[in-house]
Amino acid sequence: MKIKKTKIGVISYIEPEIPIANEGVQELKKIIEDCYKENEFKIVINFHSVPYIDSEGLELLLDILGEVRKKGGSIKISDPNPICNDILTATRFDTIFELYSSADRAGRSFL
């Protein structure tokens, strides 16, 4: 599997190991839809192994954030590599999403 998902308590941790572009967007969308079905709305997406994200991936992140906020949840982004960090900063996504240096810190922020 190119995207790992684990759950610790009420928090779902998603760790893509592929670009969030093309088929990566579809895979991430499927994982997130599974979270919705399981009433999981506190989500950490670990960007450590994501080589890059394109505009379709950014749009998906916005859609996901809107949906989880309707249910009282949130999405946190952890450990973006330098390329993803530059993309998130250039697109001002760092003002929309909470970014953390580690998945552990992102998860703790829900508590």
C-alpha atoms as a PDB file:
ATOM      1  CA  MET A   1       0.000   0.000   0.000  1.00  0.00           C
ATOM      2  CA  LYS A   2       1.321   3.405  -0.961  1.00  0.00           C
ATOM      3  CA  ILE A   3      -0.604   5.202   1.785  1.00  0.00           C
ATOM      4  CA  LYS A   4      -0.503   3.858   5.331  1.00  0.00           C
ATOM      5  CA  LYS A   5      -3.289   4.550   7.809  1.00  0.00           C
ATOM      6  CA  THR A   6      -3.178   3.885  11.522  1.00  0.00           C
ATOM      7  CA  LYS A   7      -5.483   4.935  14.298  1.00  0.00           C
ATOM      8  CA  ILE A   8      -4.440   5.758  17.826  1.00  0.00           C
ATOM      9  CA  GLY A   9      -7.387   6.606  20.028  1.00  0.00           C
ATOM     10  CA  VAL A  10      -9.626   9.013  18.143  1.00  0.00           C
ATOM     11  CA  ILE A  11      -6.848  10.248  15.855  1.00  0.00           C
ATOM     12  CA  SER A  12      -6.219   8.821  12.380  1.00  0.00           C
ATOM     13  CA  TYR A  13      -2.660   9.049  11.073  1.00  0.00           C
ATOM     14  CA  ILE A  14      -2.238   8.939   7.309  1.00  0.00           C
ATOM     15  CA  GLU A  15       1.212   8.551   5.811  1.00  0.00           C
ATOM     16  CA  PRO A  16       1.403   8.806   2.027  1.00  0.00           C
ATOM     17  CA  GLU A  17       4.596   7.501   0.454  1.00  0.00           C
ATOM     18  CA  ILE A  18       3.798   8.791  -3.033  1.00  0.00           C
ATOM     19  CA  PRO A  19       3.276  12.200  -4.619  1.00  0.00           C
ATOM     20  CA  ILE A  20      -0.114  13.725  -3.867  1.00  0.00           C
ATOM     21  CA  ALA A  21      -0.727  14.106  -7.589  1.00  0.00           C
ATOM     22  CA  ASN A  22      -2.572  12.050 -10.234  1.00  0.00           C
ATOM     23  CA  GLU A  23      -3.300   8.582  -8.780  1.00  0.00           C
ATOM     24  CA  GLY A  24      -1.946   9.689  -5.394  1.00  0.00           C
ATOM     25  CA  VAL A  25      -4.841  12.118  -5.095  1.00  0.00           C
ATOM     26  CA  GLN A  26      -7.326   9.330  -5.792  1.00  0.00           C
ATOM     27  CA  GLU A  27      -5.671   7.006  -3.258  1.00  0.00           C
ATOM     28  CA  LEU A  28      -5.660   9.696  -0.571  1.00  0.00           C
ATOM     29  CA  LYS A  29      -9.283  10.542  -1.321  1.00  0.00           C
ATOM     30  CA  LYS A  30     -10.257   6.874  -0.869  1.00  0.00           C
ATOM     31  CA  ILE A  31      -8.438   6.667   2.481  1.00  0.00           C
ATOM     32  CA  ILE A  32     -10.141   9.865   3.667  1.00  0.00           C
ATOM     33  CA  GLU A  33     -13.552   8.585   2.561  1.00  0.00           C
ATOM     34  CA  ASP A  34     -12.882   5.474   4.657  1.00  0.00           C
ATOM     35  CA  CYS A  35     -12.189   7.777   7.611  1.00  0.00           C
ATOM     36  CA  TYR A  36     -15.543   9.496   7.067  1.00  0.00           C
ATOM     37  CA  LYS A  37     -17.352   6.133   7.005  1.00  0.00           C
ATOM     38  CA  GLU A  38     -15.706   5.216  10.311  1.00  0.00           C
ATOM     39  CA  ASN A  39     -16.553   8.619  11.858  1.00  0.00           C
ATOM     40  CA  GLU A  40     -12.887   9.585  12.069  1.00  0.00           C
ATOM     41  CA  PHE A  41     -12.606  13.351  11.798  1.00  0.00           C
ATOM     42  CA  LYS A  42      -9.349  14.076  13.637  1.00  0.00           C
ATOM     43  CA  ILE A  43      -6.713  13.412  11.016  1.00  0.00           C
ATOM     44  CA  VAL A  44      -2.956  13.889  10.826  1.00  0.00           C
ATOM     45  CA  ILE A  45      -1.381  13.644   7.376  1.00  0.00           C
ATOM     46  CA  ASN A  46       2.358  13.000   7.610  1.00  0.00           C
ATOM     47  CA  PHE A  47       4.130  14.544   4.623  1.00  0.00           C
ATOM     48  CA  HIS A  48       7.577  13.159   5.476  1.00  0.00           C
ATOM     49  CA  SER A  49       7.628  10.712   2.536  1.00  0.00           C
ATOM     50  CA  VAL A  50       5.591  12.802   0.082  1.00  0.00           C
ATOM     51  CA  PRO A  51       7.927  13.934  -2.722  1.00  0.00           C
ATOM     52  CA  TYR A  52       5.557  16.716  -3.858  1.00  0.00           C
ATOM     53  CA  ILE A  53       1.927  17.811  -4.046  1.00  0.00           C
ATOM     54  CA  ASP A  54       0.252  19.348  -7.108  1.00  0.00           C
ATOM     55  CA  SER A  55      -2.748  21.672  -7.491  1.00  0.00           C
ATOM     56  CA  GLU A  56      -5.206  18.763  -7.555  1.00  0.00           C
ATOM     57  CA  GLY A  57      -3.725  17.513  -4.280  1.00  0.00           C
ATOM     58  CA  LEU A  58      -3.983  20.970  -2.728  1.00  0.00           C
ATOM     59  CA  GLU A  59      -7.613  21.187  -3.807  1.00  0.00           C
ATOM     60  CA  LEU A  60      -8.276  17.804  -2.203  1.00  0.00           C
ATOM     61  CA  LEU A  61      -6.762  19.029   1.078  1.00  0.00           C
ATOM     62  CA  LEU A  62      -9.126  22.016   1.068  1.00  0.00           C
ATOM     63  CA  ASP A  63     -12.126  19.779   0.347  1.00  0.00           C
ATOM     64  CA  ILE A  64     -11.136  17.387   3.142  1.00  0.00           C
ATOM     65  CA  LEU A  65     -10.647  20.221   5.623  1.00  0.00           C
ATOM     66  CA  GLY A  66     -14.092  21.615   4.849  1.00  0.00           C
ATOM     67  CA  GLU A  67     -15.729  18.226   5.359  1.00  0.00           C
ATOM     68  CA  VAL A  68     -14.011  17.365   8.646  1.00  0.00           C
ATOM     69  CA  ARG A  69     -14.674  20.820  10.086  1.00  0.00           C
ATOM     70  CA  LYS A  70     -18.401  20.316   9.444  1.00  0.00           C
ATOM     71  CA  LYS A  71     -18.147  17.274  11.723  1.00  0.00           C
ATOM     72  CA  GLY A  72     -16.162  19.082  14.427  1.00  0.00           C
ATOM     73  CA  GLY A  73     -12.801  17.666  13.395  1.00  0.00           C
ATOM     74  CA  SER A  74      -9.662  18.971  11.775  1.00  0.00           C
ATOM     75  CA  ILE A  75      -6.704  18.045   9.605  1.00  0.00           C
ATOM     76  CA  LYS A  76      -3.143  18.633  10.745  1.00  0.00           C
ATOM     77  CA  ILE A  77      -0.132  18.347   8.464  1.00  0.00           C
ATOM     78  CA  SER A  78       3.062  16.992   9.944  1.00  0.00           C
ATOM     79  CA  ASP A  79       6.695  16.813   8.965  1.00  0.00           C
ATOM     80  CA  PRO A  80       6.544  18.293   5.453  1.00  0.00           C
ATOM     81  CA  ASN A  81       9.795  17.782   3.576  1.00  0.00           C
ATOM     82  CA  PRO A  82      11.474  20.926   2.157  1.00  0.00           C
ATOM     83  CA  ILE A  83       9.743  20.708  -1.239  1.00  0.00           C
ATOM     84  CA  CYS A  84       6.264  20.211   0.226  1.00  0.00           C
ATOM     85  CA  ASN A  85       6.954  22.872   2.840  1.00  0.00           C
ATOM     86  CA  ASP A  86       7.871  25.335   0.072  1.00  0.00           C
ATOM     87  CA  ILE A  87       4.690  24.459  -1.851  1.00  0.00           C
ATOM     88  CA  LEU A  88       2.504  24.832   1.249  1.00  0.00           C
ATOM     89  CA  THR A  89       4.144  28.163   2.076  1.00  0.00           C
ATOM     90  CA  ALA A  90       4.034  29.561  -1.472  1.00  0.00           C
ATOM     91  CA  THR A  91       0.332  28.721  -1.763  1.00  0.00           C
ATOM     92  CA  ARG A  92      -0.324  30.077   1.756  1.00  0.00           C
ATOM     93  CA  PHE A  93      -1.685  26.727   2.869  1.00  0.00           C
ATOM     94  CA  ASP A  94       0.444  27.208   5.963  1.00  0.00           C
ATOM     95  CA  THR A  95      -2.101  29.861   6.994  1.00  0.00           C
ATOM     96  CA  ILE A  96      -5.045  27.483   6.476  1.00  0.00           C
ATOM     97  CA  PHE A  97      -3.628  24.274   7.937  1.00  0.00           C
ATOM     98  CA  GLU A  98      -1.742  23.735  11.147  1.00  0.00           C
ATOM     99  CA  LEU A  99       1.748  22.458  10.313  1.00  0.00           C
ATOM    100  CA  TYR A 100       3.799  20.475  12.828  1.00  0.00           C
ATOM    101  CA  SER A 101       7.363  19.194  12.832  1.00  0.00           C
ATOM    102  CA  SER A 102       6.264  15.663  13.781  1.00  0.00           C
ATOM    103  CA  ALA A 103       3.176  13.455  13.644  1.00  0.00           C
ATOM    104  CA  ASP A 104       3.403  13.058  17.420  1.00  0.00           C
ATOM    105  CA  ARG A 105       3.153  16.819  17.977  1.00  0.00           C
ATOM    106  CA  ALA A 106       0.305  17.085  15.498  1.00  0.00           C
ATOM    107  CA  GLY A 107      -1.586  14.302  17.253  1.00  0.00           C
ATOM    108  CA  ARG A 108      -1.035  15.853  20.675  1.00  0.00           C
ATOM    109  CA  SER A 109      -2.476  19.133  19.438  1.00  0.00           C
ATOM    110  CA  PHE A 110      -5.909  17.461  19.309  1.00  0.00           C
ATOM    111  CA  LEU A 111      -5.801  16.819  23.069  1.00  0.00           C
END
